[in-house]
PDB file of N, CA and C in Angstrom:
ATOM      1  N   UNK A   1      93.569 134.404 161.731  1.00  0.00           N
ATOM      2  CA  UNK A   1      92.211 133.654 160.704  1.00  0.00           C
ATOM      3  C   UNK A   1      92.351 134.553 159.478  1.00  0.00           C
ATOM      4  N   UNK A   2      92.046 133.539 158.496  1.00  0.00           N
ATOM      5  CA  UNK A   2      92.945 134.674 157.207  1.00  0.00           C
ATOM      6  C   UNK A   2      91.752 134.200 156.548  1.00  0.00           C
ATOM      7  N   UNK A   3      91.147 134.585 154.508  1.00  0.00           N
ATOM      8  CA  UNK A   3      90.641 133.490 154.386  1.00  0.00           C
ATOM      9  C   UNK A   3      90.803 132.272 154.305  1.00  0.00           C
ATOM     10  N   UNK A   4      91.886 131.453 153.956  1.00  0.00           N
ATOM     11  CA  UNK A   4      92.684 129.845 153.541  1.00  0.00           C
ATOM     12  C   UNK A   4      91.372 129.702 154.794  1.00  0.00           C
ATOM     13  N   UNK A   5      91.111 129.690 156.141  1.00  0.00           N
ATOM     14  CA  UNK A   5      90.643 129.507 156.876  1.00  0.00           C
ATOM     15  C   UNK A   5      89.225 128.534 156.920  1.00  0.00           C
ATOM     16  N   UNK A   6      88.498 129.725 155.365  1.00  0.00           N
ATOM     17  CA  UNK A   6      87.125 129.751 154.840  1.00  0.00           C
ATOM     18  C   UNK A   6      87.084 128.730 153.698  1.00  0.00           C
ATOM     19  N   UNK A   7      88.461 127.825 153.078  1.00  0.00           N
ATOM     20  CA  UNK A   7      88.280 127.268 151.861  1.00  0.00           C
ATOM     21  C   UNK A   7      88.455 128.719 150.812  1.00  0.00           C
ATOM     22  N   UNK A   8      88.795 130.346 151.087  1.00  0.00           N
ATOM     23  CA  UNK A   8      89.170 130.766 149.883  1.00  0.00           C
ATOM     24  C   UNK A   8      90.101 131.323 149.592  1.00  0.00           C
ATOM     25  N   UNK A   9      90.852 130.232 148.642  1.00  0.00           N
ATOM     26  CA  UNK A   9      92.263 130.365 149.195  1.00  0.00           C
ATOM     27  C   UNK A   9      92.503 131.521 147.589  1.00  0.00           C
ATOM     28  N   UNK A  10      93.850 131.371 147.046  1.00  0.00           N
ATOM     29  CA  UNK A  10      94.317 132.446 146.161  1.00  0.00           C
ATOM     30  C   UNK A  10      93.296 132.332 144.905  1.00  0.00           C
ATOM     31  N   UNK A  11      93.580 130.785 144.372  1.00  0.00           N
ATOM     32  CA  UNK A  11      93.353 130.002 143.289  1.00  0.00           C
ATOM     33  C   UNK A  11      91.497 130.245 143.224  1.00  0.00           C
ATOM     34  N   UNK A  12      90.600 129.899 144.636  1.00  0.00           N
ATOM     35  CA  UNK A  12      89.904 130.676 143.836  1.00  0.00           C
ATOM     36  C   UNK A  12      89.264 131.944 143.844  1.00  0.00           C
ATOM     37  N   UNK A  13      89.640 132.769 144.094  1.00  0.00           N
ATOM     38  CA  UNK A  13      90.005 134.236 144.410  1.00  0.00           C
ATOM     39  C   UNK A  13      90.196 134.944 142.207  1.00  0.00           C
ATOM     40  N   UNK A  14      91.053 134.187 141.966  1.00  0.00           N
ATOM     41  CA  UNK A  14      91.301 134.314 140.720  1.00  0.00           C
ATOM     42  C   UNK A  14      90.835 133.379 139.560  1.00  0.00           C
ATOM     43  N   UNK A  15      90.039 132.512 140.222  1.00  0.00           N
ATOM     44  CA  UNK A  15      89.260 132.167 139.421  1.00  0.00           C
ATOM     45  C   UNK A  15      87.948 132.350 139.081  1.00  0.00           C
ATOM     46  N   UNK A  16      87.253 133.257 140.159  1.00  0.00           N
ATOM     47  CA  UNK A  16      85.644 134.472 139.990  1.00  0.00           C
ATOM     48  C   UNK A  16      86.132 135.288 139.309  1.00  0.00           C
ATOM     49  N   UNK A  17      87.863 135.880 140.021  1.00  0.00           N
ATOM     50  CA  UNK A  17      87.670 137.114 138.815  1.00  0.00           C
ATOM     51  C   UNK A  17      87.898 136.674 137.331  1.00  0.00           C
ATOM     52  N   UNK A  18      88.401 135.653 137.109  1.00  0.00           N
ATOM     53  CA  UNK A  18      88.879 135.480 135.550  1.00  0.00           C
ATOM     54  C   UNK A  18      87.347 135.225 134.459  1.00  0.00           C
ATOM     55  N   UNK A  19      86.244 134.900 135.685  1.00  0.00           N
ATOM     56  CA  UNK A  19      85.333 134.267 135.468  1.00  0.00           C
ATOM     57  C   UNK A  19      84.263 135.454 135.467  1.00  0.00           C
ATOM     58  N   UNK A  20      84.161 136.411 136.416  1.00  0.00           N
ATOM     59  CA  UNK A  20      84.071 138.139 136.276  1.00  0.00           C
ATOM     60  C   UNK A  20      84.069 138.449 135.036  1.00  0.00           C
ATOM     61  N   UNK A  21      85.000 138.471 134.902  1.00  0.00           N
ATOM     62  CA  UNK A  21      86.402 139.454 133.385  1.00  0.00           C
ATOM     63  C   UNK A  21      85.341 139.090 132.009  1.00  0.00           C
ATOM     64  N   UNK A  22      85.133 137.374 131.889  1.00  0.00           N
ATOM     65  CA  UNK A  22      84.726 137.144 130.453  1.00  0.00           C
ATOM     66  C   UNK A  22      83.712 137.199 130.588  1.00  0.00           C
ATOM     67  N   UNK A  23      82.636 137.222 131.847  1.00  0.00           N
ATOM     68  CA  UNK A  23      80.488 137.993 131.865  1.00  0.00           C
ATOM     69  C   UNK A  23      80.757 138.971 131.003  1.00  0.00           C
ATOM     70  N   UNK A  24      81.853 139.781 131.663  1.00  0.00           N
ATOM     71  CA  UNK A  24      82.024 141.054 131.480  1.00  0.00           C
ATOM     72  C   UNK A  24      82.090 141.566 130.011  1.00  0.00           C
ATOM     73  N   UNK A  25      83.435 140.727 129.444  1.00  0.00           N
ATOM     74  CA  UNK A  25      83.690 140.624 128.309  1.00  0.00           C
ATOM     75  C   UNK A  25      82.121 140.341 127.065  1.00  0.00           C
ATOM     76  N   UNK A  26      81.542 139.425 127.679  1.00  0.00           N
ATOM     77  CA  UNK A  26      80.739 138.629 126.754  1.00  0.00           C
ATOM     78  C   UNK A  26      79.649 139.685 126.614  1.00  0.00           C
ATOM     79  N   UNK A  27      79.325 140.454 127.774  1.00  0.00           N
ATOM     80  CA  UNK A  27      78.538 141.145 127.881  1.00  0.00           C
ATOM     81  C   UNK A  27      78.596 142.544 127.022  1.00  0.00           C
ATOM     82  N   UNK A  28      80.173 143.108 126.860  1.00  0.00           N
ATOM     83  CA  UNK A  28      80.126 144.474 126.314  1.00  0.00           C
ATOM     84  C   UNK A  28      80.171 144.000 124.538  1.00  0.00           C
ATOM     85  N   UNK A  29      80.898 142.276 124.154  1.00  0.00           N
ATOM     86  CA  UNK A  29      80.580 142.191 123.035  1.00  0.00           C
ATOM     87  C   UNK A  29      79.503 142.201 122.576  1.00  0.00           C
ATOM     88  N   UNK A  30      78.146 141.733 122.695  1.00  0.00           N
ATOM     89  CA  UNK A  30      77.189 141.318 122.594  1.00  0.00           C
ATOM     90  C   UNK A  30      76.505 142.572 122.872  1.00  0.00           C
ATOM     91  N   UNK A  31      76.335 144.079 123.304  1.00  0.00           N
ATOM     92  CA  UNK A  31      75.476 145.177 123.301  1.00  0.00           C
ATOM     93  C   UNK A  31      76.129 145.823 122.368  1.00  0.00           C
ATOM     94  N   UNK A  32      77.673 145.987 122.357  1.00  0.00           N
ATOM     95  CA  UNK A  32      78.549 146.259 121.235  1.00  0.00           C
ATOM     96  C   UNK A  32      78.385 146.043 119.636  1.00  0.00           C
ATOM     97  N   UNK A  33      77.336 144.922 119.246  1.00  0.00           N
ATOM     98  CA  UNK A  33      76.938 144.256 118.286  1.00  0.00           C
ATOM     99  C   UNK A  33      75.741 145.035 118.131  1.00  0.00           C
ATOM    100  N   UNK A  34      75.389 144.861 119.193  1.00  0.00           N
ATOM    101  CA  UNK A  34      73.788 145.304 119.044  1.00  0.00           C
ATOM    102  C   UNK A  34      73.486 145.964 118.654  1.00  0.00           C
ATOM    103  N   UNK A  35      74.414 147.195 119.216  1.00  0.00           N
ATOM    104  CA  UNK A  35      74.222 148.727 119.158  1.00  0.00           C
ATOM    105  C   UNK A  35      74.392 148.775 117.690  1.00  0.00           C
ATOM    106  N   UNK A  36      75.773 148.585 117.092  1.00  0.00           N
ATOM    107  CA  UNK A  36      76.385 148.368 115.673  1.00  0.00           C
ATOM    108  C   UNK A  36      74.711 148.134 114.519  1.00  0.00           C
ATOM    109  N   UNK A  37      74.233 147.068 114.925  1.00  0.00           N
ATOM    110  CA  UNK A  37      73.605 146.507 114.123  1.00  0.00           C
ATOM    111  C   UNK A  37      71.749 147.529 114.010  1.00  0.00           C
ATOM    112  N   UNK A  38      71.126 147.988 115.317  1.00  0.00           N
ATOM    113  CA  UNK A  38      70.980 148.842 115.715  1.00  0.00           C
ATOM    114  C   UNK A  38      70.975 149.786 115.048  1.00  0.00           C
ATOM    115  N   UNK A  39      72.337 150.775 114.987  1.00  0.00           N
ATOM    116  CA  UNK A  39      72.603 152.368 113.869  1.00  0.00           C
ATOM    117  C   UNK A  39      72.623 151.548 112.621  1.00  0.00           C
ATOM    118  N   UNK A  40      72.987 150.718 111.841  1.00  0.00           N
ATOM    119  CA  UNK A  40      72.652 149.978 110.598  1.00  0.00           C
ATOM    120  C   UNK A  40      70.928 150.169 110.247  1.00  0.00           C
ATOM    121  N   UNK A  41      70.930 149.710 110.866  1.00  0.00           N
ATOM    122  CA  UNK A  41      69.655 149.243 110.362  1.00  0.00           C
ATOM    123  C   UNK A  41      68.831 150.265 110.794  1.00  0.00           C
ATOM    124  N   UNK A  42      68.960 151.535 111.330  1.00  0.00           N
ATOM    125  CA  UNK A  42      67.875 152.939 111.834  1.00  0.00           C
ATOM    126  C   UNK A  42      68.863 153.588 110.505  1.00  0.00           C
ATOM    127  N   UNK A  43      69.927 153.231 109.526  1.00  0.00           N
ATOM    128  CA  UNK A  43      70.395 154.163 108.339  1.00  0.00           C
ATOM    129  C   UNK A  43      71.404 155.865 109.565  1.00  0.00           C
ATOM    130  N   UNK A  44      71.916 155.449 110.459  1.00  0.00           N
ATOM    131  CA  UNK A  44      72.703 156.307 111.360  1.00  0.00           C
ATOM    132  C   UNK A  44      74.079 156.024 110.903  1.00  0.00           C
ATOM    133  N   UNK A  45      74.582 156.679 111.138  1.00  0.00           N
ATOM    134  CA  UNK A  45      76.213 156.958 110.705  1.00  0.00           C
ATOM    135  C   UNK A  45      77.056 156.411 111.338  1.00  0.00           C
ATOM    136  N   UNK A  46      78.726 156.288 111.361  1.00  0.00           N
ATOM    137  CA  UNK A  46      79.530 156.217 112.608  1.00  0.00           C
ATOM    138  C   UNK A  46      79.635 155.097 113.351  1.00  0.00           C
ATOM    139  N   UNK A  47      78.258 153.480 112.861  1.00  0.00           N
ATOM    140  CA  UNK A  47      78.169 152.704 113.550  1.00  0.00           C
ATOM    141  C   UNK A  47      79.390 151.571 114.432  1.00  0.00           C
ATOM    142  N   UNK A  48      80.282 152.229 114.010  1.00  0.00           N
ATOM    143  CA  UNK A  48      81.609 151.959 114.109  1.00  0.00           C
ATOM    144  C   UNK A  48      81.651 152.523 115.973  1.00  0.00           C
ATOM    145  N   UNK A  49      81.283 153.615 115.905  1.00  0.00           N
ATOM    146  CA  UNK A  49      81.117 154.417 117.784  1.00  0.00           C
ATOM    147  C   UNK A  49      80.511 153.155 118.887  1.00  0.00           C
ATOM    148  N   UNK A  50      79.815 152.147 118.079  1.00  0.00           N
ATOM    149  CA  UNK A  50      79.311 151.165 119.121  1.00  0.00           C
ATOM    150  C   UNK A  50      80.065 150.616 120.359  1.00  0.00           C
ATOM    151  N   UNK A  51      81.635 150.419 119.484  1.00  0.00           N
ATOM    152  CA  UNK A  51      82.746 149.264 120.210  1.00  0.00           C
ATOM    153  C   UNK A  51      83.765 150.637 120.718  1.00  0.00           C
ATOM    154  N   UNK A  52      83.069 151.900 120.939  1.00  0.00           N
ATOM    155  CA  UNK A  52      84.412 152.265 122.105  1.00  0.00           C
ATOM    156  C   UNK A  52      83.142 153.168 123.461  1.00  0.00           C
ATOM    157  N   UNK A  53      83.037 153.381 124.364  1.00  0.00           N
ATOM    158  CA  UNK A  53      83.461 153.823 125.382  1.00  0.00           C
ATOM    159  C   UNK A  53      82.847 154.574 125.814  1.00  0.00           C
ATOM    160  N   UNK A  54      81.566 155.471 126.044  1.00  0.00           N
ATOM    161  CA  UNK A  54      81.337 156.916 125.825  1.00  0.00           C
ATOM    162  C   UNK A  54      80.839 157.138 124.455  1.00  0.00           C
ATOM    163  N   UNK A  55      81.949 157.336 123.433  1.00  0.00           N
ATOM    164  CA  UNK A  55      81.147 157.511 121.962  1.00  0.00           C
ATOM    165  C   UNK A  55      80.082 156.761 121.978  1.00  0.00           C
ATOM    166  N   UNK A  56      80.285 155.239 122.137  1.00  0.00           N
ATOM    167  CA  UNK A  56      78.606 154.580 122.345  1.00  0.00           C
ATOM    168  C   UNK A  56      77.037 155.236 122.508  1.00  0.00           C
ATOM    169  N   UNK A  57      77.180 155.729 123.463  1.00  0.00           N
ATOM    170  CA  UNK A  57      76.228 156.546 124.294  1.00  0.00           C
ATOM    171  C   UNK A  57      76.068 157.606 123.151  1.00  0.00           C
ATOM    172  N   UNK A  58      76.561 158.444 122.736  1.00  0.00           N
ATOM    173  CA  UNK A  58      76.619 159.385 121.505  1.00  0.00           C
ATOM    174  C   UNK A  58      75.799 158.648 119.666  1.00  0.00           C
ATOM    175  N   UNK A  59      76.329 157.870 120.197  1.00  0.00           N
ATOM    176  CA  UNK A  59      75.435 156.791 118.939  1.00  0.00           C
ATOM    177  C   UNK A  59      74.336 156.266 119.359  1.00  0.00           C
ATOM    178  N   UNK A  60      74.298 156.096 120.434  1.00  0.00           N
ATOM    179  CA  UNK A  60      72.854 155.457 121.174  1.00  0.00           C
ATOM    180  C   UNK A  60      72.012 156.716 121.047  1.00  0.00           C
ATOM    181  N   UNK A  61      72.395 158.483 121.031  1.00  0.00           N
ATOM    182  CA  UNK A  61      71.385 159.240 121.841  1.00  0.00           C
ATOM    183  C   UNK A  61      71.223 160.066 119.931  1.00  0.00           C
ATOM    184  N   UNK A  62      72.465 159.710 118.588  1.00  0.00           N
ATOM    185  CA  UNK A  62      71.154 159.979 117.850  1.00  0.00           C
ATOM    186  C   UNK A  62      70.658 158.591 117.036  1.00  0.00           C
ATOM    187  N   UNK A  63      70.860 157.478 117.491  1.00  0.00           N
ATOM    188  CA  UNK A  63      69.399 156.923 116.723  1.00  0.00           C
ATOM    189  C   UNK A  63      68.563 157.070 117.509  1.00  0.00           C
ATOM    190  N   UNK A  64      68.227 157.295 118.876  1.00  0.00           N
ATOM    191  CA  UNK A  64      67.552 157.459 119.280  1.00  0.00           C
ATOM    192  C   UNK A  64      67.223 159.622 119.437  1.00  0.00           C
ATOM    193  N   UNK A  65      67.697 159.719 118.340  1.00  0.00           N
ATOM    194  CA  UNK A  65      66.926 161.412 117.680  1.00  0.00           C
ATOM    195  C   UNK A  65      67.251 162.214 119.111  1.00  0.00           C
ATOM    196  N   UNK A  66      68.026 162.370 119.776  1.00  0.00           N
ATOM    197  CA  UNK A  66      68.733 163.454 121.127  1.00  0.00           C
ATOM    198  C   UNK A  66      69.466 164.024 121.399  1.00  0.00           C
ATOM    199  N   UNK A  67      69.523 165.265 121.368  1.00  0.00           N
ATOM    200  CA  UNK A  67      70.308 166.117 121.624  1.00  0.00           C
ATOM    201  C   UNK A  67      72.258 165.478 121.935  1.00  0.00           C
ATOM    202  N   UNK A  68      72.508 165.475 122.100  1.00  0.00           N
ATOM    203  CA  UNK A  68      74.180 164.871 122.380  1.00  0.00           C
ATOM    204  C   UNK A  68      74.430 165.493 123.684  1.00  0.00           C
ATOM    205  N   UNK A  69      74.134 166.619 123.772  1.00  0.00           N
ATOM    206  CA  UNK A  69      74.145 167.885 124.941  1.00  0.00           C
ATOM    207  C   UNK A  69      73.950 166.196 126.177  1.00  0.00           C
ATOM    208  N   UNK A  70      72.971 165.763 126.304  1.00  0.00           N
ATOM    209  CA  UNK A  70      72.117 164.755 126.614  1.00  0.00           C
ATOM    210  C   UNK A  70      73.216 163.805 127.754  1.00  0.00           C
ATOM    211  N   UNK A  71      74.554 163.399 127.070  1.00  0.00           N
ATOM    212  CA  UNK A  71      74.939 162.965 127.378  1.00  0.00           C
ATOM    213  C   UNK A  71      75.637 163.216 129.266  1.00  0.00           C
ATOM    214  N   UNK A  72      75.954 164.210 129.001  1.00  0.00           N
ATOM    215  CA  UNK A  72      75.738 165.415 130.515  1.00  0.00           C
ATOM    216  C   UNK A  72      74.657 164.141 131.471  1.00  0.00           C
ATOM    217  N   UNK A  73      73.721 164.345 131.072  1.00  0.00           N
ATOM    218  CA  UNK A  73      72.517 164.157 132.074  1.00  0.00           C
ATOM    219  C   UNK A  73      72.473 162.642 131.981  1.00  0.00           C
ATOM    220  N   UNK A  74      73.397 161.837 131.773  1.00  0.00           N
ATOM    221  CA  UNK A  74      73.385 160.269 132.316  1.00  0.00           C
ATOM    222  C   UNK A  74      74.444 159.975 132.834  1.00  0.00           C
ATOM    223  N   UNK A  75      75.508 161.245 133.279  1.00  0.00           N
ATOM    224  CA  UNK A  75      75.830 160.925 134.365  1.00  0.00           C
ATOM    225  C   UNK A  75      75.746 161.905 135.799  1.00  0.00           C
ATOM    226  N   UNK A  76      74.518 161.960 136.596  1.00  0.00           N
ATOM    227  CA  UNK A  76      73.812 162.996 136.546  1.00  0.00           C
ATOM    228  C   UNK A  76      72.832 161.346 137.238  1.00  0.00           C
ATOM    229  N   UNK A  77      73.326 161.138 138.648  1.00  0.00           N
ATOM    230  CA  UNK A  77      72.384 159.967 139.718  1.00  0.00           C
ATOM    231  C   UNK A  77      70.841 160.798 139.928  1.00  0.00           C
ATOM    232  N   UNK A  78      69.989 159.328 139.325  1.00  0.00           N
ATOM    233  CA  UNK A  78      68.771 159.337 139.510  1.00  0.00           C
ATOM    234  C   UNK A  78      68.436 159.892 138.143  1.00  0.00           C
ATOM    235  N   UNK A  79      68.926 161.005 137.411  1.00  0.00           N
ATOM    236  CA  UNK A  79      68.769 161.488 136.307  1.00  0.00           C
ATOM    237  C   UNK A  79      68.606 160.673 135.228  1.00  0.00           C
ATOM    238  N   UNK A  80      70.299 160.355 135.455  1.00  0.00           N
ATOM    239  CA  UNK A  80      70.339 159.115 133.780  1.00  0.00           C
ATOM    240  C   UNK A  80      69.322 157.697 134.226  1.00  0.00           C
ATOM    241  N   UNK A  81      69.035 157.393 135.112  1.00  0.00           N
ATOM    242  CA  UNK A  81      67.918 156.395 134.770  1.00  0.00           C
ATOM    243  C   UNK A  81      66.341 157.026 133.549  1.00  0.00           C
ATOM    244  N   UNK A  82      65.908 158.172 134.084  1.00  0.00           N
ATOM    245  CA  UNK A  82      64.761 158.766 133.665  1.00  0.00           C
ATOM    246  C   UNK A  82      65.321 158.608 131.921  1.00  0.00           C
ATOM    247  N   UNK A  83      66.490 159.476 131.989  1.00  0.00           N
ATOM    248  CA  UNK A  83      66.993 159.648 130.437  1.00  0.00           C
ATOM    249  C   UNK A  83      67.478 158.698 129.446  1.00  0.00           C
ATOM    250  N   UNK A  84      68.197 157.688 130.182  1.00  0.00           N
ATOM    251  CA  UNK A  84      68.213 156.237 129.716  1.00  0.00           C
ATOM    252  C   UNK A  84      67.068 155.594 128.967  1.00  0.00           C
ATOM    253  N   UNK A  85      65.902 155.827 129.672  1.00  0.00           N
ATOM    254  CA  UNK A  85      64.883 155.321 129.466  1.00  0.00           C
ATOM    255  C   UNK A  85      63.901 155.941 128.323  1.00  0.00           C
ATOM    256  N   UNK A  86      64.310 156.832 128.835  1.00  0.00           N
ATOM    257  CA  UNK A  86      63.644 158.502 127.267  1.00  0.00           C
ATOM    258  C   UNK A  86      64.146 157.937 125.979  1.00  0.00           C
ATOM    259  N   UNK A  87      65.854 157.764 126.014  1.00  0.00           N
ATOM    260  CA  UNK A  87      66.699 157.088 124.897  1.00  0.00           C
ATOM    261  C   UNK A  87      66.199 155.603 125.181  1.00  0.00           C
ATOM    262  N   UNK A  88      66.113 155.467 125.519  1.00  0.00           N
ATOM    263  CA  UNK A  88      66.020 153.053 124.895  1.00  0.00           C
ATOM    264  C   UNK A  88      64.691 153.924 124.170  1.00  0.00           C
ATOM    265  N   UNK A  89      63.174 154.598 124.790  1.00  0.00           N
ATOM    266  CA  UNK A  89      61.468 154.494 123.923  1.00  0.00           C
ATOM    267  C   UNK A  89      62.487 155.356 122.654  1.00  0.00           C
ATOM    268  N   UNK A  90      62.963 156.147 122.821  1.00  0.00           N
ATOM    269  CA  UNK A  90      63.544 156.496 121.014  1.00  0.00           C
ATOM    270  C   UNK A  90      64.384 155.541 120.318  1.00  0.00           C
ATOM    271  N   UNK A  91      65.056 154.333 120.421  1.00  0.00           N
ATOM    272  CA  UNK A  91      65.836 153.740 119.727  1.00  0.00           C
ATOM    273  C   UNK A  91      64.400 152.836 119.819  1.00  0.00           C
ATOM    274  N   UNK A  92      63.817 152.196 120.183  1.00  0.00           N
ATOM    275  CA  UNK A  92      62.787 151.491 120.126  1.00  0.00           C
ATOM    276  C   UNK A  92      61.761 152.191 118.867  1.00  0.00           C
ATOM    277  N   UNK A  93      61.441 152.882 118.907  1.00  0.00           N
ATOM    278  CA  UNK A  93      60.221 154.118 117.664  1.00  0.00           C
ATOM    279  C   UNK A  93      61.667 154.393 117.024  1.00  0.00           C
ATOM    280  N   UNK A  94      62.825 154.419 116.789  1.00  0.00           N
ATOM    281  CA  UNK A  94      63.598 154.000 115.519  1.00  0.00           C
ATOM    282  C   UNK A  94      63.642 153.164 115.044  1.00  0.00           C
ATOM    283  N   UNK A  95      63.977 151.650 115.452  1.00  0.00           N
ATOM    284  CA  UNK A  95      63.403 150.193 115.251  1.00  0.00           C
ATOM    285  C   UNK A  95      62.243 150.128 114.721  1.00  0.00           C
ATOM    286  N   UNK A  96      60.841 150.852 114.971  1.00  0.00           N
ATOM    287  CA  UNK A  96      59.419 150.731 114.276  1.00  0.00           C
ATOM    288  C   UNK A  96      59.004 149.731 114.959  1.00  0.00           C
ATOM    289  N   UNK A  97      59.517 149.963 116.545  1.00  0.00           N
ATOM    290  CA  UNK A  97      59.318 148.922 117.545  1.00  0.00           C
ATOM    291  C   UNK A  97      57.830 149.230 118.722  1.00  0.00           C
ATOM    292  N   UNK A  98      57.027 149.024 118.957  1.00  0.00           N
ATOM    293  CA  UNK A  98      56.692 149.646 120.405  1.00  0.00           C
ATOM    294  C   UNK A  98      57.412 150.347 121.411  1.00  0.00           C
ATOM    295  N   UNK A  99      57.245 151.207 121.633  1.00  0.00           N
ATOM    296  CA  UNK A  99      57.833 152.464 122.479  1.00  0.00           C
ATOM    297  C   UNK A  99      58.295 151.879 124.035  1.00  0.00           C
ATOM    298  N   UNK A 100      57.415 150.640 124.536  1.00  0.00           N
ATOM    299  CA  UNK A 100      57.139 149.867 126.026  1.00  0.00           C
ATOM    300  C   UNK A 100      58.462 149.075 125.896  1.00  0.00           C
ATOM    301  N   UNK A 101      58.714 148.862 124.411  1.00  0.00           N
ATOM    302  CA  UNK A 101      60.376 148.184 124.571  1.00  0.00           C
ATOM    303  C   UNK A 101      61.254 149.033 125.093  1.00  0.00           C
ATOM    304  N   UNK A 102      61.070 149.868 125.274  1.00  0.00           N
ATOM    305  CA  UNK A 102      62.747 150.786 125.857  1.00  0.00           C
ATOM    306  C   UNK A 102      62.382 151.109 127.121  1.00  0.00           C
ATOM    307  N   UNK A 103      60.870 150.892 127.759  1.00  0.00           N
ATOM    308  CA  UNK A 103      60.550 150.960 129.101  1.00  0.00           C
ATOM    309  C   UNK A 103      61.159 149.582 130.372  1.00  0.00           C
ATOM    310  N   UNK A 104      61.457 148.383 128.925  1.00  0.00           N
ATOM    311  CA  UNK A 104      61.778 147.371 129.177  1.00  0.00           C
ATOM    312  C   UNK A 104      63.225 147.620 130.070  1.00  0.00           C
ATOM    313  N   UNK A 105      64.285 148.631 129.469  1.00  0.00           N
ATOM    314  CA  UNK A 105      65.377 148.826 129.711  1.00  0.00           C
ATOM    315  C   UNK A 105      65.529 148.647 131.065  1.00  0.00           C
ATOM    316  N   UNK A 106      64.787 149.057 132.194  1.00  0.00           N
ATOM    317  CA  UNK A 106      64.707 148.796 133.674  1.00  0.00           C
ATOM    318  C   UNK A 106      64.739 147.692 134.509  1.00  0.00           C
ATOM    319  N   UNK A 107      64.173 146.446 133.264  1.00  0.00           N
ATOM    320  CA  UNK A 107      63.896 145.844 134.357  1.00  0.00           C
ATOM    321  C   UNK A 107      65.249 144.927 134.393  1.00  0.00           C
ATOM    322  N   UNK A 108      65.752 144.002 135.978  1.00  0.00           N
ATOM    323  CA  UNK A 108      67.051 143.115 135.359  1.00  0.00           C
ATOM    324  C   UNK A 108      67.221 141.888 134.759  1.00  0.00           C
ATOM    325  N   UNK A 109      67.933 142.161 133.668  1.00  0.00           N
ATOM    326  CA  UNK A 109      67.884 140.238 133.286  1.00  0.00           C
ATOM    327  C   UNK A 109      67.049 140.944 131.861  1.00  0.00           C
ATOM    328  N   UNK A 110      65.745 141.648 131.894  1.00  0.00           N
ATOM    329  CA  UNK A 110      65.761 141.287 130.344  1.00  0.00           C
ATOM    330  C   UNK A 110      66.237 143.334 129.847  1.00  0.00           C
ATOM    331  N   UNK A 111      67.010 143.292 130.085  1.00  0.00           N
ATOM    332  CA  UNK A 111      67.214 144.857 129.608  1.00  0.00           C
ATOM    333  C   UNK A 111      68.978 144.589 129.148  1.00  0.00           C
ATOM    334  N   UNK A 112      69.319 142.310 129.100  1.00  0.00           N
ATOM    335  CA  UNK A 112      70.043 141.721 128.058  1.00  0.00           C
ATOM    336  C   UNK A 112      68.848 141.800 127.172  1.00  0.00           C
ATOM    337  N   UNK A 113      68.376 141.565 127.252  1.00  0.00           N
ATOM    338  CA  UNK A 113      66.966 140.780 126.188  1.00  0.00           C
ATOM    339  C   UNK A 113      66.758 142.038 125.214  1.00  0.00           C
ATOM    340  N   UNK A 114      66.729 143.496 125.341  1.00  0.00           N
ATOM    341  CA  UNK A 114      65.804 143.985 124.900  1.00  0.00           C
ATOM    342  C   UNK A 114      67.016 144.885 123.671  1.00  0.00           C
ATOM    343  N   UNK A 115      68.683 145.239 123.914  1.00  0.00           N
ATOM    344  CA  UNK A 115      68.780 145.238 122.454  1.00  0.00           C
ATOM    345  C   UNK A 115      68.681 144.195 121.155  1.00  0.00           C
ATOM    346  N   UNK A 116      69.246 142.937 122.527  1.00  0.00           N
ATOM    347  CA  UNK A 116      68.576 142.160 120.810  1.00  0.00           C
ATOM    348  C   UNK A 116      67.905 141.677 119.788  1.00  0.00           C
ATOM    349  N   UNK A 117      66.435 142.172 120.609  1.00  0.00           N
ATOM    350  CA  UNK A 117      65.316 141.746 119.746  1.00  0.00           C
ATOM    351  C   UNK A 117      65.413 143.589 119.038  1.00  0.00           C
ATOM    352  N   UNK A 118      65.463 144.644 119.592  1.00  0.00           N
ATOM    353  CA  UNK A 118      65.485 145.781 119.009  1.00  0.00           C
ATOM    354  C   UNK A 118      66.910 145.566 117.752  1.00  0.00           C
ATOM    355  N   UNK A 119      67.738 145.305 118.286  1.00  0.00           N
ATOM    356  CA  UNK A 119      68.214 144.657 117.140  1.00  0.00           C
ATOM    357  C   UNK A 119      68.662 143.729 115.571  1.00  0.00           C
ATOM    358  N   UNK A 120      68.213 142.463 116.537  1.00  0.00           N
ATOM    359  CA  UNK A 120      67.666 140.856 115.018  1.00  0.00           C
ATOM    360  C   UNK A 120      66.459 141.052 115.412  1.00  0.00           C
ATOM    361  N   UNK A 121      65.429 141.667 116.160  1.00  0.00           N
ATOM    362  CA  UNK A 121      64.263 140.837 115.254  1.00  0.00           C
ATOM    363  C   UNK A 121      63.276 141.503 114.291  1.00  0.00           C
ATOM    364  N   UNK A 122      62.282 140.610 114.099  1.00  0.00           N
ATOM    365  CA  UNK A 122      62.051 141.479 112.819  1.00  0.00           C
ATOM    366  C   UNK A 122      60.364 142.069 113.034  1.00  0.00           C
TER     367      UNK A 122
END
């Protein structure tokens, strides 16, 4: 018995993989554009770092006015959740928005809306 017996052929697997990659690329581009816009609006230099993995986290820390060594805290499980919230609260405050907008980054689905609001919301 193999996967074809259940209707899962190589075409379906390839299609699902392609859909997953396209959605991932779209989310990455959206987040990079939002972060770059937030950096520009907060007068943070090197806004182009938003497009480079890991460097975009350094940019996020600079926007939130947090020390760069916090990058190490972002790789520790469970600690990274707390630090991410603190950083996004700092980003919201840097944009002149209520700090609870940063707290919303822990809510699945809403965490896709928050960066856009902080970047392009008035």
